[in-house]
Protein backbone atom coordinates (compact mmCIF):
# COMPACT_ATOMS: atom_id res chain seq x y z
CA UNK A 1 -31.02 -13.15 26.00
CA UNK A 2 -34.15 -15.27 25.97
CA UNK A 3 -32.58 -18.04 27.97
CA UNK A 4 -31.38 -15.51 30.57
CA UNK A 5 -34.71 -13.87 30.95
CA UNK A 6 -36.53 -17.20 31.18
CA UNK A 7 -34.14 -18.19 34.11
CA UNK A 8 -34.49 -14.77 35.71
CA UNK A 9 -38.29 -15.02 35.52
CA UNK A 10 -38.19 -18.00 37.79
CA UNK A 11 -35.22 -17.06 39.98
CA UNK A 12 -36.31 -13.47 40.63
CA UNK A 13 -39.62 -14.48 42.02
CA UNK A 14 -38.20 -17.33 44.06
CA UNK A 15 -35.76 -14.96 45.49
CA UNK A 16 -37.32 -11.51 45.28
CA UNK A 17 -35.25 -9.16 47.35
CA UNK A 18 -36.27 -6.05 49.30
CA UNK A 19 -37.76 -4.92 52.55
CA UNK A 20 -40.39 -7.25 53.84
CA UNK A 21 -43.04 -5.44 55.77
CA UNK A 22 -43.72 -7.69 58.72
CA UNK A 23 -43.26 -7.63 62.38
CA UNK A 24 -40.45 -10.18 62.04
CA UNK A 25 -38.06 -7.94 59.99
CA UNK A 26 -36.82 -4.54 61.08
CA UNK A 27 -35.34 -2.06 58.46
CA UNK A 28 -31.83 -3.02 59.68
CA UNK A 29 -32.41 -6.74 58.87
CA UNK A 30 -29.57 -8.27 56.90
CA UNK A 31 -29.82 -8.64 53.03
CA UNK A 32 -29.83 -12.47 53.37
CA UNK A 33 -32.47 -12.40 56.13
CA UNK A 34 -34.69 -10.28 53.85
CA UNK A 35 -34.15 -12.60 50.90
CA UNK A 36 -35.06 -15.65 52.92
CA UNK A 37 -38.10 -14.11 54.39
CA UNK A 38 -39.31 -12.98 51.02
CA UNK A 39 -38.86 -16.40 49.47
CA UNK A 40 -41.11 -17.88 52.14
CA UNK A 41 -43.74 -15.30 51.43
CA UNK A 42 -43.68 -15.83 47.68
CA UNK A 43 -43.69 -19.57 47.84
CA UNK A 44 -46.52 -19.58 50.41
CA UNK A 45 -48.55 -17.49 47.99
CA UNK A 46 -47.90 -19.88 45.11
CA UNK A 47 -48.81 -22.97 47.22
CA UNK A 48 -52.03 -21.38 48.82
CA UNK A 49 -54.78 -23.51 47.36
CA UNK A 50 -57.47 -21.29 48.95
CA UNK A 51 -56.47 -18.46 46.52
CA UNK A 52 -57.87 -18.23 43.04
CA UNK A 53 -55.27 -17.90 40.29
CA UNK A 54 -56.11 -14.23 39.89
CA UNK A 55 -55.59 -13.74 43.55
CA UNK A 56 -52.19 -15.47 43.52
CA UNK A 57 -51.26 -13.38 40.45
CA UNK A 58 -52.12 -10.13 42.25
CA UNK A 59 -50.16 -11.06 45.39
CA UNK A 60 -47.19 -12.25 43.56
CA UNK A 61 -47.06 -9.09 41.35
CA UNK A 62 -47.50 -7.08 44.61
CA UNK A 63 -44.39 -8.76 45.98
CA UNK A 64 -42.53 -7.71 42.88
CA UNK A 65 -43.65 -4.19 43.20
CA UNK A 66 -42.57 -4.02 46.83
CA UNK A 67 -39.22 -5.90 46.53
CA UNK A 68 -37.54 -4.28 43.42
CA UNK A 69 -36.64 -0.73 42.98
CA UNK A 70 -37.91 -0.47 39.33
CA UNK A 71 -36.83 3.19 39.12
CA UNK A 72 -33.20 2.25 40.00
CA UNK A 73 -33.29 -0.70 37.53
CA UNK A 74 -34.71 1.58 34.80
CA UNK A 75 -32.12 4.15 35.39
CA UNK A 76 -29.35 1.49 35.02
CA UNK A 77 -31.02 -0.13 32.04
CA UNK A 78 -31.36 3.09 30.13
CA UNK A 79 -27.91 4.34 31.21
CA UNK A 80 -26.97 7.57 29.41
CA UNK A 81 -30.43 7.62 27.76
CA UNK A 82 -32.03 8.04 31.22
CA UNK A 83 -30.25 11.35 31.63
CA UNK A 84 -31.49 12.49 28.30
CA UNK A 85 -35.14 11.43 28.74
CA UNK A 86 -37.75 13.82 30.10
CA UNK A 87 -39.29 13.31 33.49
CA UNK A 88 -42.58 12.03 31.82
CA UNK A 89 -40.54 9.72 29.60
CA UNK A 90 -38.66 8.27 32.62
CA UNK A 91 -41.99 7.74 34.54
CA UNK A 92 -43.64 6.04 31.52
CA UNK A 93 -40.55 3.84 30.92
CA UNK A 94 -40.37 2.68 34.50
CA UNK A 95 -44.09 1.86 34.55
CA UNK A 96 -43.94 -0.08 31.30
CA UNK A 97 -40.76 -1.93 32.23
CA UNK A 98 -42.16 -2.84 35.69
CA UNK A 99 -45.31 -4.22 34.03
CA UNK A 100 -43.41 -6.15 31.32
CA UNK A 101 -41.24 -7.85 33.96
CA UNK A 102 -44.22 -8.51 36.26
CA UNK A 103 -46.28 -10.19 33.49
CA UNK A 104 -43.35 -12.15 32.24
CA UNK A 105 -42.44 -13.30 35.77
CA UNK A 106 -45.96 -14.43 36.39
CA UNK A 107 -46.06 -16.61 33.19
CA UNK A 108 -42.89 -18.39 34.31
CA UNK A 109 -43.53 -18.68 38.08
CA UNK A 110 -47.10 -19.85 37.80
CA UNK A 111 -45.70 -23.26 37.03
CA UNK A 112 -43.47 -23.36 40.05
CA UNK A 113 -42.50 -27.05 40.69
CA UNK A 114 -40.69 -27.12 44.02
CA UNK A 115 -37.45 -25.58 42.88
CA UNK A 116 -35.10 -25.13 45.81
CA UNK A 117 -33.02 -22.05 46.84
CA UNK A 118 -29.69 -22.56 48.48
CA UNK A 119 -28.29 -19.43 50.20
CA UNK A 120 -24.63 -19.21 49.70
CA UNK A 121 -23.97 -16.02 51.66
CA UNK A 122 -23.89 -12.26 51.41
CA UNK A 123 -21.22 -9.74 50.75
CA UNK A 124 -21.33 -6.16 51.97
CA UNK A 125 -19.76 -3.28 50.23
CA UNK A 126 -19.60 -0.48 52.86
CA UNK A 127 -22.88 0.33 54.42
CA UNK A 128 -25.00 0.91 51.27
CA UNK A 129 -24.40 -2.02 48.92
CA UNK A 130 -24.75 -5.79 49.27
CA UNK A 131 -24.75 -8.92 47.09
CA UNK A 132 -26.74 -11.95 48.19
CA UNK A 133 -25.40 -15.20 46.51
CA UNK A 134 -27.80 -18.04 45.96
CA UNK A 135 -28.11 -21.25 43.89
CA UNK A 136 -31.28 -22.33 42.38
CA UNK A 137 -31.63 -26.17 42.59
CA UNK A 138 -33.63 -27.57 39.74
CA UNK A 139 -34.09 -31.19 38.56
CA UNK A 140 -31.60 -30.80 35.89
CA UNK A 141 -29.17 -28.12 36.92
CA UNK A 142 -27.77 -25.83 39.71
CA UNK A 143 -28.14 -22.19 38.64
CA UNK A 144 -26.05 -19.51 40.47
CA UNK A 145 -27.94 -16.29 41.05
CA UNK A 146 -26.65 -13.18 42.63
CA UNK A 147 -28.80 -10.30 43.86
CA UNK A 148 -27.50 -6.82 43.88
CA UNK A 149 -29.04 -4.60 46.61
CA UNK A 150 -28.71 -1.19 48.01
CA UNK A 151 -29.88 0.09 51.31
CA UNK A 152 -32.67 2.66 51.82
CA UNK A 153 -34.06 3.96 55.09
CA UNK A 154 -36.82 1.39 54.96
CA UNK A 155 -34.53 -1.55 54.17
CA UNK A 156 -32.60 -3.25 51.38
CA UNK A 157 -33.91 -3.05 47.71
CA UNK A 158 -32.85 -5.04 44.65
CA UNK A 159 -31.64 -3.23 41.65
CA UNK A 160 -30.10 -6.13 39.49
CA UNK A 161 -30.00 -9.91 39.19
CA UNK A 162 -26.82 -11.66 37.98
CA UNK A 163 -27.48 -15.13 36.55
CA UNK A 164 -24.49 -17.36 35.76
CA UNK A 165 -22.36 -14.17 35.89
CA UNK A 166 -24.55 -12.37 33.45
CA UNK A 167 -26.34 -9.18 34.59
CA UNK A 168 -30.12 -8.88 33.73
CA UNK A 169 -29.80 -5.16 33.66
CA UNK A 170 -26.83 -5.19 31.23
CA UNK A 171 -28.77 -7.58 28.95
CA UNK A 172 -31.78 -5.27 28.77
CA UNK A 173 -29.52 -2.31 28.38
CA UNK A 174 -28.02 -3.68 25.28
CA UNK A 175 -31.46 -4.61 23.76
CA UNK A 176 -32.96 -1.24 24.55
CA UNK A 177 -29.90 0.72 23.49
CA UNK A 178 -30.25 -0.62 19.91
CA UNK A 179 -33.99 0.38 19.89
CA UNK A 180 -33.23 3.88 21.16
CA UNK A 181 -30.43 4.28 18.69
CA UNK A 182 -32.74 3.38 15.82
CA UNK A 183 -36.05 4.87 16.90
CA UNK A 184 -35.38 7.18 19.90
CA UNK A 185 -36.94 7.17 23.29
CA UNK A 186 -40.41 7.53 21.72
CA UNK A 187 -39.72 4.36 19.68
CA UNK A 188 -38.67 2.45 22.73
CA UNK A 189 -41.80 3.46 24.63
CA UNK A 190 -43.92 2.39 21.77
CA UNK A 191 -42.09 -0.92 21.57
CA UNK A 192 -42.56 -1.50 25.26
CA UNK A 193 -46.25 -0.75 25.05
CA UNK A 194 -46.52 -3.46 22.41
CA UNK A 195 -44.58 -5.91 24.48
CA UNK A 196 -46.66 -5.15 27.59
CA UNK A 197 -49.89 -5.70 25.73
CA UNK A 198 -48.73 -9.02 24.44
CA UNK A 199 -47.37 -10.10 27.89
CA UNK A 200 -50.68 -8.96 29.45
CA UNK A 201 -52.63 -11.25 27.01
CA UNK A 202 -50.32 -14.16 27.69
CA UNK A 203 -50.40 -13.72 31.44
CA UNK A 204 -54.27 -13.84 31.51
CA UNK A 205 -54.46 -17.14 29.46
């Protein structure tokens, strides 16, 4: 799990998927076009020497907030527990999960070192679902990363990342299921609050 999350933290920000709000991309832009444009935006932010570290962090986290549907991810991560949770519990889990991933992503991506993204292609499943296949080229390995997207009225949104054929959502689902089983939804929220506080401290160092 830890290795998968480390890879995901780098890959997801390099290839953040979702609608890019610019004049260049319309809501009907293809999933791969959206991924490519977003990669350019994220890397440009990371390389912008005129920005302070805090400013880069804010912009990168804003990219995450725009380009991933955290409610959809949270629904899939909690699975059957999502239906059992109250509206307030769902909202709190989504907010905490988003903050945890955002903080963790920043810790990893802040050390971006010219990793390259190769776009293998995209696969459409009907009009609403798509997968964008990429490979992250690092100095030591080629890492296949697939992005699962669904289409909204305002463009494509990511709801899962599959790294070396392992789903990030499924891995978190297994981890959180054990916590809910032992401590209930309240216990999971308490655990997430602890993890968010720790990740916030680390991200600010």
